[in-house]
Amino acid sequence: MTNPYSYIRNGGIVTYKPKEERKSWTSYSVSFPSVFLTQYLGNSGIAGEYYLPKGETRTPLVILVHGMGDRSVYPCRLIAHTLANSGIASIILFLVFHKSRATEVIKKKYPNLSSDEWFESYQLSVTDIRQVIDWSDSRPEIIRDKIALVGISFGGMVSSIAMGLDKRIKTGVLIVSGGNSEQITRHSLLLRWQYKHNEEEFRSNQKLYAQYLAEVEEEGFENVRPLKRSYLTDPMTFSRSLRGRPIMMLNALWDEMIPRVATLEMWKACGKPPLTWYPSTHASIWLWYPLMGRRIRAFIKSALDC
């Protein structure tokens, strides 16, 4: 089976612009070409914000991946500040749905995208993450074997896939995320209106996906042909490669977007990594950031031994 996330590594001119300077860190706007040629979404190239702690000649790198739209870029900045103050570099990757990258056509259609557009958004986002790691190879201050991911919501789902595919990523933190996409759509308070199947069809679809996961478990992702293309954008498909690696999950007790059942399925599939529930909704979890920030920083420092 052809891997939809395979790509040919290619260099390109990287542009840096100073953005902000604080006592302990400096941030830069960063952009460079994407290797992924889109058919539906358009692609203006990879863009993000790079946070470099002062006084550090060698540092790990944490890639911060926001959710749909732009709003979850703000908590990414909170995390970036926390890490930079502790001597850890990070880059916030702007996904294809960010206002700086999305085409006018996509902005008008979103979130009512076609299945082809949604599939391509996963392909592009996963490739973007891996290209950021390629970019980090050119940075003399980055320690190559100390790369981490922090993904929020949709960013957590594409981060799970990227980590499953790329062993260069040593650890990951998944926030308000989960797996089994059909479970998410079927049970999500915000998304279930989109679900068009009855209970019998749902159970049949879940049985087929479970059979596919069993085959992947035995033979590996690239050796099994999926019955549905959507299997290739589901984090559960890649959980086999996440098991036993340092992962932490932070989730909301009253998440109206990612239902509890989908979080617990992903948690079990990943080998039951550390999981913390906060008394909040999908968005209000960030009211707990003083606690979350310390937990994220401690986990990454421990997992990367830094």
Protein backbone atom coordinates (compact mmCIF):
# COMPACT_ATOMS: atom_id res chain seq x y z
CA MET A 1 0.00 0.00 0.00
CA THR A 2 1.23 3.51 -0.82
CA ASN A 3 1.85 5.59 2.29
CA PRO A 4 -0.19 8.81 1.87
CA TYR A 5 2.23 10.59 4.22
CA SER A 6 5.44 9.78 2.36
CA TYR A 7 7.37 12.73 0.98
CA ILE A 8 10.70 13.56 -0.58
CA ARG A 9 12.82 15.74 1.66
CA ASN A 10 13.83 18.96 -0.05
CA GLY A 11 15.62 22.06 1.15
CA GLY A 12 14.52 25.63 0.57
CA ILE A 13 15.17 29.19 1.61
CA VAL A 14 14.14 29.83 5.21
CA THR A 15 13.00 33.33 6.14
CA TYR A 16 13.38 34.66 9.69
CA LYS A 17 11.93 37.90 11.04
CA PRO A 18 12.42 39.03 14.67
CA LYS A 19 9.03 39.13 16.37
CA GLU A 20 9.37 39.69 20.11
CA GLU A 21 12.11 39.90 22.70
CA ARG A 22 11.79 39.15 26.39
CA LYS A 23 14.28 38.84 29.21
CA SER A 24 14.84 35.12 28.72
CA TRP A 25 13.89 34.47 25.07
CA THR A 26 13.51 35.88 21.58
CA SER A 27 10.83 34.88 19.08
CA TYR A 28 10.96 34.91 15.29
CA SER A 29 8.46 34.52 12.49
CA VAL A 30 9.70 31.63 10.36
CA SER A 31 8.62 30.50 6.90
CA PHE A 32 9.94 28.05 4.33
CA PRO A 33 8.63 26.10 1.30
CA SER A 34 6.42 23.05 1.66
CA VAL A 35 7.19 19.90 -0.30
CA PHE A 36 3.51 18.88 -0.37
CA LEU A 37 1.68 19.75 -3.59
CA THR A 38 -2.00 20.23 -2.77
CA GLN A 39 -4.87 19.65 -5.16
CA TYR A 40 -7.65 21.17 -3.09
CA LEU A 41 -6.42 23.33 -0.22
CA GLY A 42 -3.73 25.50 -1.71
CA ASN A 43 -0.44 25.82 0.11
CA SER A 44 1.41 29.06 0.65
CA GLY A 45 4.28 27.33 2.44
CA ILE A 46 5.07 26.44 6.04
CA ALA A 47 4.89 29.23 8.60
CA GLY A 48 5.26 29.51 12.34
CA GLU A 49 6.76 31.22 15.37
CA TYR A 50 10.12 30.10 16.72
CA TYR A 51 10.93 30.72 20.41
CA LEU A 52 14.63 30.61 21.25
CA PRO A 53 15.76 30.83 24.88
CA LYS A 54 18.65 33.16 25.56
CA GLY A 55 21.92 31.83 26.88
CA GLU A 56 21.37 28.30 25.54
CA THR A 57 23.87 26.98 23.00
CA ARG A 58 22.17 23.57 22.82
CA THR A 59 18.48 22.98 23.43
CA PRO A 60 15.70 20.46 22.75
CA LEU A 61 12.89 21.48 20.39
CA VAL A 62 9.17 21.21 21.08
CA ILE A 63 6.82 21.49 18.10
CA LEU A 64 3.48 23.02 19.13
CA VAL A 65 0.53 22.14 16.90
CA HIS A 66 -2.70 24.10 17.33
CA GLY A 67 -6.25 23.00 16.59
CA MET A 68 -8.71 24.14 13.93
CA GLY A 69 -8.66 27.82 13.12
CA ASP A 70 -6.53 30.32 15.00
CA ARG A 71 -7.80 30.47 18.57
CA SER A 72 -5.72 27.61 19.94
CA VAL A 73 -2.56 29.38 18.80
CA TYR A 74 -2.88 31.45 21.98
CA PRO A 75 -2.46 28.51 24.38
CA CYS A 76 0.44 27.38 22.19
CA ARG A 77 2.08 30.72 22.95
CA LEU A 78 1.52 30.17 26.67
CA ILE A 79 3.29 26.82 26.40
CA ALA A 80 6.08 28.34 24.29
CA HIS A 81 6.68 31.02 26.95
CA THR A 82 6.75 28.42 29.73
CA LEU A 83 9.24 26.27 27.86
CA ALA A 84 11.46 29.17 26.79
CA ASN A 85 11.66 30.40 30.38
CA SER A 86 12.99 26.93 31.23
CA GLY A 87 15.62 26.97 28.49
CA ILE A 88 13.70 24.88 25.92
CA ALA A 89 13.15 26.05 22.34
CA SER A 90 9.81 25.60 20.60
CA ILE A 91 8.11 26.36 17.32
CA ILE A 92 4.40 26.97 16.83
CA LEU A 93 3.43 25.44 13.50
CA PHE A 94 0.61 27.26 11.71
CA LEU A 95 -1.59 24.63 10.11
CA VAL A 96 -3.28 24.95 6.75
CA PHE A 97 -6.48 26.31 8.36
CA HIS A 98 -4.65 29.20 10.02
CA LYS A 99 -5.59 32.60 8.56
CA SER A 100 -2.01 33.15 7.39
CA ARG A 101 -2.17 30.04 5.16
CA ALA A 102 -5.77 29.26 4.24
CA THR A 103 -6.97 30.34 0.81
CA GLU A 104 -10.04 32.57 0.51
CA VAL A 105 -12.00 29.65 -0.96
CA ILE A 106 -11.22 27.43 2.03
CA LYS A 107 -11.96 30.23 4.51
CA LYS A 108 -15.44 30.59 2.99
CA LYS A 109 -16.15 26.84 2.90
CA TYR A 110 -14.70 25.87 6.29
CA PRO A 111 -15.78 23.72 8.11
CA ASN A 112 -17.98 22.34 5.33
CA LEU A 113 -15.13 20.77 3.40
CA SER A 114 -15.26 17.80 1.06
CA SER A 115 -13.82 14.43 2.05
CA ASP A 116 -10.92 15.09 -0.35
CA GLU A 117 -10.18 18.42 1.32
CA TRP A 118 -10.29 16.91 4.81
CA PHE A 119 -8.04 14.02 3.77
CA GLU A 120 -5.55 16.42 2.23
CA SER A 121 -5.56 18.55 5.40
CA TYR A 122 -4.24 15.53 7.32
CA GLN A 123 -1.64 14.74 4.67
CA LEU A 124 -0.40 18.32 4.61
CA SER A 125 -0.40 18.78 8.39
CA VAL A 126 1.53 15.58 9.08
CA THR A 127 4.04 16.44 6.36
CA ASP A 128 4.39 19.97 7.80
CA ILE A 129 5.32 18.53 11.20
CA ARG A 130 7.94 16.26 9.68
CA GLN A 131 9.34 19.12 7.59
CA VAL A 132 9.74 21.19 10.76
CA ILE A 133 11.93 18.38 12.09
CA ASP A 134 13.90 18.47 8.82
CA TRP A 135 14.32 22.23 9.31
CA SER A 136 15.54 21.70 12.87
CA ASP A 137 18.45 19.67 11.49
CA SER A 138 19.86 22.92 10.07
CA ARG A 139 19.74 24.70 13.43
CA PRO A 140 23.02 24.26 15.32
CA GLU A 141 21.35 25.02 18.65
CA ILE A 142 18.81 22.16 18.37
CA ILE A 143 19.70 18.75 19.83
CA ARG A 144 18.55 16.38 17.10
CA ASP A 145 17.62 13.46 19.31
CA LYS A 146 15.51 15.60 21.66
CA ILE A 147 12.39 16.49 19.66
CA ALA A 148 8.94 16.63 21.27
CA LEU A 149 5.40 17.32 20.07
CA VAL A 150 2.52 19.03 21.83
CA GLY A 151 -0.76 18.82 19.89
CA ILE A 152 -4.11 20.41 20.73
CA SER A 153 -7.43 18.93 19.51
CA PHE A 154 -7.05 18.42 15.71
CA GLY A 155 -3.38 19.23 16.28
CA GLY A 156 -3.25 16.33 18.72
CA MET A 157 -4.68 13.97 16.13
CA VAL A 158 -2.20 14.90 13.41
CA SER A 159 0.58 14.86 16.03
CA SER A 160 -0.36 11.26 16.92
CA ILE A 161 -0.06 10.28 13.26
CA ALA A 162 3.24 12.14 12.81
CA MET A 163 4.72 10.57 15.93
CA GLY A 164 3.57 7.13 14.81
CA LEU A 165 5.34 7.61 11.48
CA ASP A 166 8.49 9.43 12.57
CA LYS A 167 10.81 7.95 15.18
CA ARG A 168 12.71 11.25 15.40
CA ILE A 169 9.90 12.46 17.67
CA LYS A 170 10.86 11.22 21.12
CA THR A 171 7.85 12.26 23.18
CA GLY A 172 4.41 13.77 22.84
CA VAL A 173 1.71 15.57 24.81
CA LEU A 174 -1.84 15.23 23.44
CA ILE A 175 -4.34 17.80 24.72
CA VAL A 176 -8.16 17.48 24.34
CA SER A 177 -7.62 14.83 21.69
CA GLY A 178 -8.58 11.21 21.08
CA GLY A 179 -8.95 8.50 18.48
CA ASN A 180 -11.52 6.49 16.51
CA SER A 181 -12.90 9.26 14.35
CA GLU A 182 -16.31 7.65 13.90
CA GLN A 183 -16.74 7.46 17.67
CA ILE A 184 -15.90 11.16 17.83
CA THR A 185 -18.47 12.13 15.20
CA ARG A 186 -21.12 9.75 16.55
CA HIS A 187 -20.91 10.87 20.19
CA SER A 188 -19.60 14.44 20.08
CA LEU A 189 -22.17 16.98 21.26
CA LEU A 190 -20.96 19.42 18.63
CA LEU A 191 -20.45 17.05 15.71
CA ARG A 192 -23.06 14.29 15.99
CA TRP A 193 -25.54 16.20 13.82
CA GLN A 194 -23.18 15.39 10.94
CA TYR A 195 -23.39 11.64 11.55
CA LYS A 196 -25.67 10.02 8.96
CA HIS A 197 -25.64 6.32 9.97
CA ASN A 198 -28.04 4.45 12.22
CA GLU A 199 -26.95 2.34 15.19
CA GLU A 200 -26.71 -0.87 13.19
CA GLU A 201 -24.50 0.79 10.56
CA PHE A 202 -22.37 2.32 13.29
CA ARG A 203 -21.75 -1.05 14.91
CA SER A 204 -20.95 -2.63 11.55
CA ASN A 205 -18.48 0.16 10.72
CA GLN A 206 -16.83 -0.17 14.11
CA LYS A 207 -16.43 -3.93 13.62
CA LEU A 208 -14.77 -3.36 10.23
CA TYR A 209 -12.38 -0.80 11.71
CA ALA A 210 -11.54 -3.12 14.61
CA GLN A 211 -10.68 -5.86 12.09
CA TYR A 212 -8.45 -3.43 10.21
CA LEU A 213 -6.68 -2.41 13.43
CA ALA A 214 -6.07 -6.07 14.28
CA GLU A 215 -4.44 -6.57 10.87
CA VAL A 216 -2.32 -3.46 11.30
CA GLU A 217 -1.28 -4.71 14.73
CA GLU A 218 -0.05 -7.94 13.21
CA GLU A 219 1.35 -6.81 9.86
CA GLY A 220 2.11 -3.09 10.18
CA PHE A 221 0.39 0.00 8.78
CA GLU A 222 2.00 -0.05 5.34
CA ASN A 223 1.20 -3.72 4.74
CA VAL A 224 -2.58 -3.54 5.12
CA ARG A 225 -4.97 -2.06 2.58
CA PRO A 226 -7.77 -0.11 4.32
CA LEU A 227 -11.39 -0.60 3.33
CA LYS A 228 -11.96 3.11 3.85
CA ARG A 229 -9.63 6.01 3.22
CA SER A 230 -10.72 7.56 6.52
CA TYR A 231 -8.81 4.81 8.36
CA LEU A 232 -5.62 6.53 7.20
CA THR A 233 -6.49 9.76 9.03
CA ASP A 234 -7.45 8.12 12.31
CA PRO A 235 -4.89 8.30 15.15
CA MET A 236 -5.91 4.80 16.27
CA THR A 237 -4.39 3.39 13.09
CA PHE A 238 -0.95 4.56 14.25
CA SER A 239 -1.26 3.70 17.95
CA ARG A 240 0.78 0.52 17.49
CA SER A 241 3.85 2.71 16.91
CA LEU A 242 3.09 4.93 19.90
CA ARG A 243 2.90 2.16 22.48
CA GLY A 244 5.79 2.16 24.93
CA ARG A 245 6.94 5.65 23.98
CA PRO A 246 6.64 8.57 26.44
CA ILE A 247 3.22 10.15 25.86
CA MET A 248 0.99 12.19 28.16
CA MET A 249 -2.69 12.97 27.63
CA LEU A 250 -4.53 15.98 29.09
CA ASN A 251 -8.30 15.97 28.61
CA ALA A 252 -11.50 17.72 29.64
CA LEU A 253 -14.14 15.95 31.72
CA TRP A 254 -17.00 17.73 29.94
CA ASP A 255 -15.49 17.95 26.48
CA GLU A 256 -18.30 18.68 24.04
CA MET A 257 -16.03 18.10 21.02
CA ILE A 258 -13.97 14.98 21.87
CA PRO A 259 -16.19 12.47 23.76
CA ARG A 260 -14.75 10.54 26.66
CA VAL A 261 -15.13 7.20 24.85
CA ALA A 262 -12.83 8.40 22.04
CA THR A 263 -10.18 9.60 24.50
CA LEU A 264 -10.26 6.32 26.42
CA GLU A 265 -10.00 4.25 23.24
CA MET A 266 -6.89 6.14 22.20
CA TRP A 267 -5.48 5.92 25.73
CA LYS A 268 -5.88 2.12 25.79
CA ALA A 269 -4.50 1.76 22.26
CA CYS A 270 -1.38 3.73 23.25
CA GLY A 271 -0.71 1.47 26.24
CA LYS A 272 -2.49 3.56 28.91
CA PRO A 273 0.00 6.46 29.20
CA PRO A 274 -0.42 9.13 31.92
CA LEU A 275 -3.88 10.70 31.54
CA THR A 276 -5.20 13.69 33.49
CA TRP A 277 -8.80 14.88 33.41
CA TYR A 278 -9.56 18.54 34.14
CA PRO A 279 -13.06 19.70 35.19
CA SER A 280 -13.67 21.75 32.07
CA THR A 281 -15.00 21.84 28.53
CA HIS A 282 -12.97 21.60 25.32
CA ALA A 283 -12.01 25.28 25.37
CA SER A 284 -12.20 26.13 29.06
CA ILE A 285 -9.47 23.60 29.90
CA TRP A 286 -7.03 26.50 29.45
CA LEU A 287 -8.33 28.06 32.66
CA TRP A 288 -6.23 25.32 34.26
CA TYR A 289 -3.10 26.38 32.45
CA PRO A 290 -1.07 27.26 35.59
CA LEU A 291 -1.30 23.57 36.55
CA MET A 292 -1.16 22.25 32.98
CA GLY A 293 1.89 24.33 32.09
CA ARG A 294 3.90 22.97 35.00
CA ARG A 295 2.81 19.42 34.14
CA ILE A 296 3.73 19.79 30.46
CA ARG A 297 7.13 21.30 31.28
CA ALA A 298 7.97 18.63 33.86
CA PHE A 299 6.90 15.79 31.57
CA ILE A 300 8.92 17.05 28.60
CA LYS A 301 12.00 17.73 30.70
CA SER A 302 11.79 14.23 32.16
CA ALA A 303 11.08 12.48 28.85
CA LEU A 304 13.92 14.30 27.04
CA ASP A 305 16.26 14.19 30.06
CA CYS A 306 16.96 17.90 29.92
